[in-house]
Protein backbone atom coordinates (compact mmCIF):
# COMPACT_ATOMS: atom_id res chain seq x y z
CA MET A 1 -127.60 -73.50 46.36
CA THR A 2 -124.86 -74.14 48.95
CA ILE A 3 -123.68 -77.24 47.07
CA PHE A 4 -123.65 -75.21 43.85
CA TYR A 5 -121.40 -72.56 45.40
CA TYR A 6 -119.06 -75.16 46.89
CA THR A 7 -118.75 -76.87 43.51
CA LEU A 8 -118.25 -73.60 41.63
CA LEU A 9 -115.58 -72.28 44.02
CA THR A 10 -113.77 -75.62 44.10
CA LEU A 11 -113.63 -75.67 40.30
CA ILE A 12 -112.36 -72.07 40.25
CA PHE A 13 -109.59 -72.80 42.76
CA CYS A 14 -108.56 -76.10 41.18
CA LEU A 15 -108.83 -75.26 37.45
CA THR A 16 -107.66 -71.63 37.36
CA PRO A 17 -103.99 -72.73 37.77
CA ALA A 18 -104.31 -74.80 34.57
CA GLY A 19 -105.48 -71.73 32.67
CA VAL A 20 -102.70 -69.60 34.13
CA ILE A 21 -100.05 -72.19 33.21
CA TRP A 22 -101.38 -72.23 29.63
CA LEU A 23 -101.26 -68.42 29.43
CA CYS A 24 -97.74 -68.29 30.85
CA ARG A 25 -96.48 -70.71 28.22
CA ARG A 26 -98.22 -68.77 25.47
CA PHE A 27 -97.14 -65.25 26.49
CA PRO A 28 -93.47 -64.69 27.49
CA LEU A 29 -94.26 -61.61 29.59
CA LEU A 30 -96.66 -63.58 31.81
CA ASN A 31 -94.11 -66.38 32.01
CA LYS A 32 -91.56 -63.92 33.41
CA ILE A 33 -94.04 -62.86 36.09
CA GLY A 34 -94.66 -66.50 36.91
CA PRO A 35 -97.80 -68.55 37.67
CA ILE A 36 -97.58 -68.11 41.43
CA MET A 37 -97.61 -64.31 41.37
CA ILE A 38 -100.46 -64.26 38.83
CA LEU A 39 -102.46 -66.70 40.95
CA TYR A 40 -101.88 -64.52 44.01
CA GLY A 41 -103.32 -61.60 42.09
CA ILE A 42 -106.37 -63.58 40.95
CA GLY A 43 -106.87 -64.97 44.45
CA MET A 44 -106.77 -61.51 46.01
CA LEU A 45 -109.37 -60.28 43.51
CA ILE A 46 -111.63 -63.24 44.35
CA GLY A 47 -111.25 -62.75 48.10
CA ASN A 48 -112.01 -59.02 47.98
CA PHE A 49 -114.90 -59.32 45.52
CA PRO A 50 -117.95 -57.81 47.29
CA MET A 51 -120.37 -60.57 46.26
CA VAL A 52 -118.19 -63.60 47.04
CA PRO A 53 -120.36 -66.33 48.66
CA ALA A 54 -119.86 -67.21 52.33
CA GLU A 55 -119.03 -70.82 51.38
CA ILE A 56 -115.57 -69.64 50.38
CA LYS A 57 -114.55 -69.59 54.06
CA THR A 58 -114.92 -73.36 54.33
CA LEU A 59 -112.79 -73.99 51.25
CA GLN A 60 -110.20 -71.51 52.50
CA ASP A 61 -109.85 -73.65 55.62
CA ILE A 62 -109.80 -77.02 53.84
CA LEU A 63 -107.81 -76.61 50.61
CA PRO A 64 -104.54 -75.16 52.03
CA ASN A 65 -104.47 -77.80 54.77
CA VAL A 66 -104.88 -80.56 52.16
CA MET A 67 -102.61 -79.24 49.40
CA ILE A 68 -99.43 -78.73 51.44
CA PRO A 69 -99.22 -82.19 53.10
CA LEU A 70 -99.72 -83.79 49.68
CA ALA A 71 -97.32 -81.49 47.83
CA ILE A 72 -94.34 -81.85 50.17
CA PRO A 73 -93.59 -85.56 49.62
CA MET A 74 -94.52 -85.40 45.93
CA MET A 75 -91.97 -82.67 45.25
CA LEU A 76 -89.27 -84.52 47.15
CA PHE A 77 -89.71 -87.95 45.56
CA GLY A 78 -87.62 -86.96 42.55
CA CYS A 79 -84.60 -85.79 44.57
CA SER A 80 -81.36 -87.35 43.41
CA PHE A 81 -78.28 -87.20 45.63
CA THR A 82 -75.04 -88.23 43.93
CA ARG A 83 -71.45 -88.68 45.13
CA LYS A 84 -69.95 -86.79 42.22
CA ASP A 85 -68.49 -83.44 43.30
CA ALA A 86 -69.68 -84.26 46.84
CA GLY A 87 -66.95 -82.14 48.42
CA LEU A 88 -67.85 -79.06 46.39
CA GLN A 89 -71.56 -79.60 46.99
CA LEU A 90 -70.97 -79.87 50.74
CA LYS A 91 -69.03 -76.60 50.73
CA VAL A 92 -71.71 -74.60 48.88
CA VAL A 93 -74.48 -76.06 51.05
CA ILE A 94 -72.68 -75.22 54.29
CA SER A 95 -71.87 -71.75 53.01
CA GLY A 96 -75.43 -71.17 51.74
CA PHE A 97 -77.17 -72.14 54.96
CA LEU A 98 -74.66 -70.32 57.15
CA SER A 99 -74.99 -67.17 55.04
CA VAL A 100 -78.79 -67.17 55.22
CA MET A 101 -78.69 -67.81 58.96
CA VAL A 102 -76.41 -64.85 59.66
CA ALA A 103 -78.23 -62.54 57.22
CA VAL A 104 -81.64 -63.39 58.68
CA ILE A 105 -80.41 -62.83 62.24
CA ILE A 106 -78.99 -59.41 61.33
CA GLY A 107 -82.13 -58.50 59.38
CA TYR A 108 -84.28 -59.58 62.31
CA LEU A 109 -82.33 -57.48 64.82
CA LEU A 110 -82.57 -54.41 62.57
CA PHE A 111 -86.11 -54.73 61.19
CA GLY A 112 -87.72 -58.13 61.76
CA SER A 113 -88.23 -57.65 65.49
CA LYS A 114 -90.43 -54.62 64.70
CA ILE A 115 -93.05 -56.59 62.76
CA ASP A 116 -95.81 -58.89 63.96
CA ASN A 117 -94.70 -62.51 64.29
CA GLY A 118 -91.18 -61.40 63.40
CA ALA A 119 -89.51 -64.62 64.54
CA GLU A 120 -91.96 -66.76 62.58
CA VAL A 121 -91.53 -64.57 59.48
CA GLY A 122 -87.78 -65.03 59.90
CA GLY A 123 -88.32 -68.78 59.98
CA ILE A 124 -90.43 -68.65 56.80
CA ILE A 125 -87.92 -66.62 54.80
CA SER A 126 -85.09 -68.82 56.12
CA GLY A 127 -86.85 -71.82 54.58
CA MET A 128 -87.77 -69.83 51.47
CA TYR A 129 -84.20 -68.64 50.82
CA THR A 130 -82.67 -72.07 51.30
CA GLY A 131 -85.49 -74.02 49.65
CA GLY A 132 -88.39 -72.37 47.87
CA THR A 133 -92.12 -71.65 47.80
CA LEU A 134 -92.88 -75.18 48.98
CA ASN A 135 -90.88 -74.64 52.16
CA ALA A 136 -92.40 -71.20 52.74
CA ALA A 137 -95.92 -72.64 52.42
CA ALA A 138 -95.13 -75.52 54.77
CA LEU A 139 -93.64 -73.18 57.38
CA GLN A 140 -96.65 -70.88 57.06
CA ALA A 141 -98.81 -73.86 58.00
CA ILE A 142 -96.54 -74.69 60.93
CA PHE A 143 -96.46 -71.14 62.32
CA LYS A 144 -100.08 -70.31 61.40
CA ILE A 145 -99.11 -66.92 59.92
CA ASN A 146 -102.18 -64.99 58.69
CA SER A 147 -102.80 -64.93 54.95
CA GLU A 148 -102.31 -61.15 54.54
CA GLN A 149 -98.81 -61.30 55.98
CA PHE A 150 -97.93 -64.42 53.99
CA ILE A 151 -99.07 -62.78 50.75
CA LEU A 152 -96.98 -59.72 51.61
CA ILE A 153 -93.95 -61.99 52.07
CA ASN A 154 -94.46 -63.54 48.63
CA SER A 155 -95.15 -60.18 46.95
CA TYR A 156 -91.95 -58.67 48.32
CA ASP A 157 -90.07 -61.82 47.36
CA ILE A 158 -91.01 -61.28 43.70
CA ILE A 159 -89.70 -57.70 43.79
CA ILE A 160 -86.47 -58.59 45.60
CA SER A 161 -85.82 -61.62 43.39
CA PHE A 162 -86.20 -59.44 40.29
CA LEU A 163 -83.59 -56.98 41.63
CA TYR A 164 -81.36 -59.91 42.57
CA PHE A 165 -81.42 -61.22 38.99
CA VAL A 166 -80.87 -57.75 37.53
CA PHE A 167 -77.72 -57.46 39.65
CA LEU A 168 -76.42 -60.93 38.72
CA PHE A 169 -77.01 -60.64 34.98
CA SER A 170 -75.72 -57.08 34.70
CA ILE A 171 -72.59 -56.89 36.84
CA GLY A 172 -72.79 -59.68 39.42
CA ILE A 173 -71.44 -62.66 37.46
CA PRO A 174 -68.48 -60.83 35.85
CA LEU A 175 -67.79 -59.03 39.14
CA PHE A 176 -67.56 -62.25 41.15
CA ARG A 177 -65.38 -63.88 38.49
CA TRP A 178 -63.05 -60.88 38.59
CA LEU A 179 -62.92 -60.87 42.39
CA TYR A 180 -62.25 -64.60 42.41
CA GLY A 181 -59.54 -64.16 39.78
CA GLU A 182 -61.32 -66.34 37.22
CA LYS A 183 -61.99 -65.92 33.54
CA LYS A 184 -65.22 -66.47 31.68
CA HIS A 185 -65.86 -70.15 31.00
CA HIS A 186 -65.81 -71.27 27.38
CA ILE A 187 -67.80 -74.36 26.46
CA SER A 188 -68.16 -76.30 23.28
CA GLN A 189 -71.01 -75.79 20.85
CA SER A 190 -72.49 -79.17 21.83
CA GLU A 191 -72.48 -78.26 25.53
CA HIS A 192 -74.10 -74.92 24.74
CA LEU A 193 -76.83 -76.69 22.75
CA GLU A 194 -77.36 -79.12 25.62
CA LEU A 195 -77.91 -76.24 28.04
CA LYS A 196 -80.24 -74.59 25.55
CA GLU A 197 -82.24 -77.80 25.21
CA ARG A 198 -82.45 -78.05 29.00
CA ILE A 199 -83.93 -74.55 29.20
CA GLU A 200 -86.36 -75.26 26.37
CA ALA A 201 -87.45 -78.42 28.17
CA GLU A 202 -88.28 -76.30 31.20
CA LYS A 203 -90.69 -74.32 28.99
CA GLN A 204 -92.61 -77.38 27.81
CA ASN A 205 -95.92 -78.30 29.38
CA PRO A 206 -94.96 -80.90 32.03
CA TYR A 207 -98.57 -82.10 32.31
CA ARG A 208 -99.10 -83.06 28.68
CA ASP A 209 -98.24 -86.75 29.14
CA LEU A 210 -100.41 -87.29 32.22
CA TRP A 211 -103.49 -87.97 30.09
CA SER A 212 -101.92 -91.06 28.53
CA LYS A 213 -102.30 -94.59 29.85
CA SER A 214 -98.75 -94.63 31.22
CA GLY A 215 -99.33 -91.20 32.77
CA ALA A 216 -102.44 -92.45 34.56
CA LYS A 217 -100.49 -95.40 35.99
CA GLN A 218 -97.79 -93.07 37.23
CA ILE A 219 -100.35 -90.80 38.87
CA GLY A 220 -101.78 -93.83 40.67
CA LYS A 221 -98.36 -94.80 42.01
CA ILE A 222 -97.61 -91.23 43.08
CA VAL A 223 -100.95 -90.90 44.89
CA LEU A 224 -100.61 -94.23 46.71
CA THR A 225 -97.04 -93.50 47.79
CA THR A 226 -98.01 -90.02 48.95
CA ILE A 227 -100.99 -91.30 50.95
CA ALA A 228 -98.70 -93.81 52.67
CA VAL A 229 -96.23 -91.06 53.61
CA VAL A 230 -99.04 -88.79 54.85
CA ALA A 231 -100.58 -91.62 56.90
CA VAL A 232 -97.31 -92.56 58.62
CA SER A 233 -96.53 -88.88 59.30
CA ALA A 234 -99.99 -88.33 60.78
CA VAL A 235 -99.71 -91.38 63.05
CA VAL A 236 -96.35 -90.18 64.41
CA ALA A 237 -97.63 -86.62 64.88
CA ILE A 238 -100.76 -87.81 66.73
CA LEU A 239 -98.54 -89.46 69.33
CA MET A 240 -97.03 -86.06 70.17
CA PRO A 241 -98.57 -83.31 72.34
CA GLU A 242 -101.35 -81.47 70.52
CA GLN A 243 -99.40 -78.20 70.21
CA TRP A 244 -96.59 -80.06 68.42
CA PHE A 245 -98.81 -81.88 65.93
CA MET A 246 -98.33 -79.59 62.90
CA VAL A 247 -94.60 -79.15 63.45
CA VAL A 248 -93.98 -82.90 63.73
CA PHE A 249 -96.38 -83.67 60.89
CA ILE A 250 -94.68 -81.33 58.40
CA LEU A 251 -91.17 -82.38 59.40
CA MET A 252 -92.10 -86.06 59.12
CA LEU A 253 -93.55 -85.45 55.65
CA THR A 254 -90.27 -83.81 54.65
CA THR A 255 -88.09 -86.52 56.18
CA LEU A 256 -90.07 -89.40 54.67
CA GLY A 257 -90.25 -87.63 51.31
CA VAL A 258 -86.45 -87.46 51.21
CA ALA A 259 -86.17 -91.07 52.43
CA CYS A 260 -88.45 -92.23 49.61
CA SER A 261 -86.25 -90.44 47.08
CA PHE A 262 -83.57 -93.08 47.75
CA ILE A 263 -85.97 -95.78 46.54
CA ARG A 264 -85.33 -96.02 42.81
CA PRO A 265 -88.91 -96.81 41.65
CA VAL A 266 -90.16 -93.81 43.61
CA ARG A 267 -87.42 -91.51 42.35
CA GLU A 268 -88.29 -92.49 38.78
CA LEU A 269 -91.85 -91.17 39.15
CA SER A 270 -90.95 -88.18 36.99
CA ALA A 271 -94.35 -86.47 37.23
CA SER A 272 -94.35 -86.25 41.03
CA TYR A 273 -92.63 -82.86 41.19
CA ASP A 274 -94.97 -81.24 38.65
CA ILE A 275 -98.10 -82.66 40.28
CA GLY A 276 -96.87 -81.39 43.64
CA MET A 277 -96.19 -78.00 42.07
CA TYR A 278 -99.77 -77.88 40.75
CA LEU A 279 -101.00 -78.42 44.30
CA ILE A 280 -98.84 -75.46 45.34
CA TYR A 281 -100.58 -73.41 42.65
CA ILE A 282 -103.97 -74.35 44.13
CA PHE A 283 -102.64 -73.43 47.57
CA SER A 284 -101.43 -70.08 46.22
CA ILE A 285 -104.75 -68.93 44.77
CA THR A 286 -106.66 -70.19 47.81
CA ILE A 287 -104.42 -68.56 50.42
CA ALA A 288 -104.42 -65.31 48.43
CA SER A 289 -108.21 -65.25 48.46
CA MET A 290 -108.03 -64.94 52.26
CA ALA A 291 -106.34 -61.53 52.06
CA ASP A 292 -108.19 -58.52 53.44
CA PHE A 293 -106.34 -55.40 52.32
CA SER A 294 -108.25 -53.19 54.74
CA ASN A 295 -106.26 -54.82 57.55
CA LEU A 296 -102.78 -54.56 56.00
CA ASP A 297 -100.10 -53.04 58.24
CA LEU A 298 -98.17 -50.77 55.85
CA VAL A 299 -95.57 -49.72 58.42
CA GLY A 300 -94.94 -53.35 59.30
CA GLY A 301 -94.80 -54.07 55.59
CA ILE A 302 -91.94 -51.63 55.08
CA ASN A 303 -89.99 -53.27 57.87
CA GLN A 304 -90.76 -56.65 56.36
CA LEU A 305 -89.46 -55.52 52.95
CA ALA A 306 -86.24 -54.29 54.55
CA PHE A 307 -85.92 -57.55 56.52
CA MET A 308 -86.22 -59.66 53.38
CA THR A 309 -83.93 -57.42 51.32
CA ILE A 310 -81.15 -57.81 53.87
CA ALA A 311 -81.76 -61.57 54.00
CA VAL A 312 -81.24 -61.88 50.21
CA PHE A 313 -78.42 -59.48 49.45
CA LEU A 314 -76.44 -59.90 52.65
CA SER A 315 -76.65 -63.67 52.32
CA LEU A 316 -75.31 -63.34 48.75
CA LEU A 317 -72.38 -61.26 50.02
CA LEU A 318 -71.63 -63.65 52.89
CA HIS A 319 -71.98 -66.65 50.58
CA ALA A 320 -69.42 -65.09 48.22
CA VAL A 321 -66.96 -64.45 51.05
CA ILE A 322 -67.31 -67.90 52.64
CA CYS A 323 -67.09 -69.70 49.28
CA ARG A 324 -63.93 -67.75 48.46
CA PHE A 325 -62.46 -68.83 51.81
CA LEU A 326 -63.44 -72.47 51.07
CA LYS A 327 -61.84 -72.20 47.61
CA VAL A 328 -65.11 -72.66 45.74
CA ASP A 329 -65.09 -71.28 42.20
CA ALA A 330 -67.15 -68.19 41.38
CA ASP A 331 -69.68 -69.92 39.10
CA SER A 332 -70.45 -72.63 41.67
CA MET A 333 -70.98 -69.90 44.25
CA VAL A 334 -73.36 -67.96 42.00
CA ILE A 335 -75.36 -70.97 40.81
CA SER A 336 -75.80 -72.31 44.36
CA SER A 337 -76.94 -68.89 45.56
CA VAL A 338 -79.56 -68.84 42.79
CA ALA A 339 -80.68 -72.36 43.75
CA PHE A 340 -81.14 -71.31 47.39
CA ILE A 341 -82.67 -67.88 46.86
CA ASN A 342 -84.83 -68.66 43.81
CA SER A 343 -85.12 -72.49 43.83
CA PRO A 344 -83.80 -75.08 41.29
CA PRO A 345 -86.09 -74.20 38.31
CA PHE A 346 -84.01 -71.04 37.77
CA VAL A 347 -80.70 -72.91 37.70
CA PRO A 348 -80.61 -73.90 33.97
CA MET A 349 -81.24 -70.29 32.92
CA VAL A 350 -78.32 -68.99 34.98
CA ALA A 351 -76.04 -71.86 33.94
CA ALA A 352 -76.69 -70.94 30.30
CA ALA A 353 -76.02 -67.26 31.00
CA MET A 354 -72.67 -68.21 32.54
CA ARG A 355 -71.97 -70.70 29.70
CA ASN A 356 -70.88 -73.23 32.30
CA LYS A 357 -72.45 -76.68 31.98
CA ARG A 358 -70.67 -78.05 35.05
CA SER A 359 -72.38 -75.51 37.31
CA LEU A 360 -75.79 -76.96 36.38
CA VAL A 361 -75.34 -80.09 38.51
CA ILE A 362 -73.90 -78.10 41.43
CA GLY A 363 -76.89 -75.74 41.40
CA LEU A 364 -79.52 -78.46 41.11
CA CYS A 365 -77.97 -80.50 43.94
CA ALA A 366 -77.77 -77.44 46.19
CA GLY A 367 -81.44 -76.67 45.51
CA ILE A 368 -82.47 -80.24 46.23
CA VAL A 369 -80.75 -80.12 49.62
CA GLY A 370 -82.52 -76.82 50.27
CA TYR A 371 -85.90 -78.38 49.48
CA ALA A 372 -85.09 -81.35 51.71
CA ILE A 373 -84.02 -79.56 54.90
CA GLY A 374 -85.48 -76.07 54.42
CA ASN A 375 -88.46 -76.86 56.66
CA HIS A 376 -86.25 -78.11 59.49
CA PHE A 377 -83.98 -75.10 59.09
CA GLY A 378 -86.94 -72.69 59.17
CA VAL A 379 -88.31 -74.16 62.41
CA ILE A 380 -84.88 -73.96 64.06
CA MET A 381 -84.39 -70.36 62.90
CA ALA A 382 -87.79 -69.26 64.20
CA GLU A 383 -86.98 -70.73 67.60
CA LEU A 384 -83.56 -69.07 67.58
CA LEU A 385 -84.94 -65.66 66.61
CA SER A 386 -87.64 -65.84 69.29
CA ARG A 387 -84.88 -66.06 71.90
CA LEU A 388 -82.97 -62.97 70.70
């Protein structure tokens, strides 16, 4: 019976994301909520179900610790760093990271220091708001934050990100253009269609070609390359003191993942990002199943919400001021902020809303840099906050 339960729970955790992805692509409302938030909801229902078998505890320990080390290099293999607009990209990256750093420090002093593991939470949201969910999950593994608090972070992030987009699409974009003294960008019909096609491509099922013969070969190459990166990272981490193992391991995975992105055959493994993202989906439903709502700290949750709200909106304000000082145009400022706060998948949508094709590359490059160094930045920020 134990083997039956292990098999059943493993299938639920590993196959439910596929069903959720299908539903999101079929129903626009679910797609707006996003697979990760839906999987968190399903995971929390599973974890708090009164008749859940005890075997779930073992899988809750194993799956998150397997998914994240595999997902990190996979999602970084496809990074592409170009020299075009390098000066502008450097400006928005410096401004973005500096803005998040200052905003997180202020938020921590006002609210973050009042919550449990405040410095570590600050490190997680620093990585999240310069990179994305991948970085947040990796930093959660480094800092060993409990699942209830991590789920609260992600739940509040959904709410804050929604308000952030409402602001940008309603008054934010025209307001920043007016403050920067710029007019609305006008693009040709062909450029508009290209942006539209890019957004439509984002809606397509990225896993549909993996069942083909060429897809199977690509999966094999991705798996072998990932195993090599994980093995080297583990060997280096084992040589360090035991308490530093996870920190070194995750940072080595990140560093080697970026290094591999400069190898053309690896960078051309187009399915690596989507496979890595699927592993994040499995991580999401598994980690959510560990939540015990009877132990939630509501007072600490309010402080955490305030902490994260300041981190997002104050960083946007600071980013706007610094970019103006560095003579960055308004659209590049906005698109890079979106890339940092919400991750690169949201960039095409905002570029289309601004009708500015050029901003697409700036946003994607900024997001890639965030993915690449968000883990390092989060660790540094946690250490800094712990000393305040």
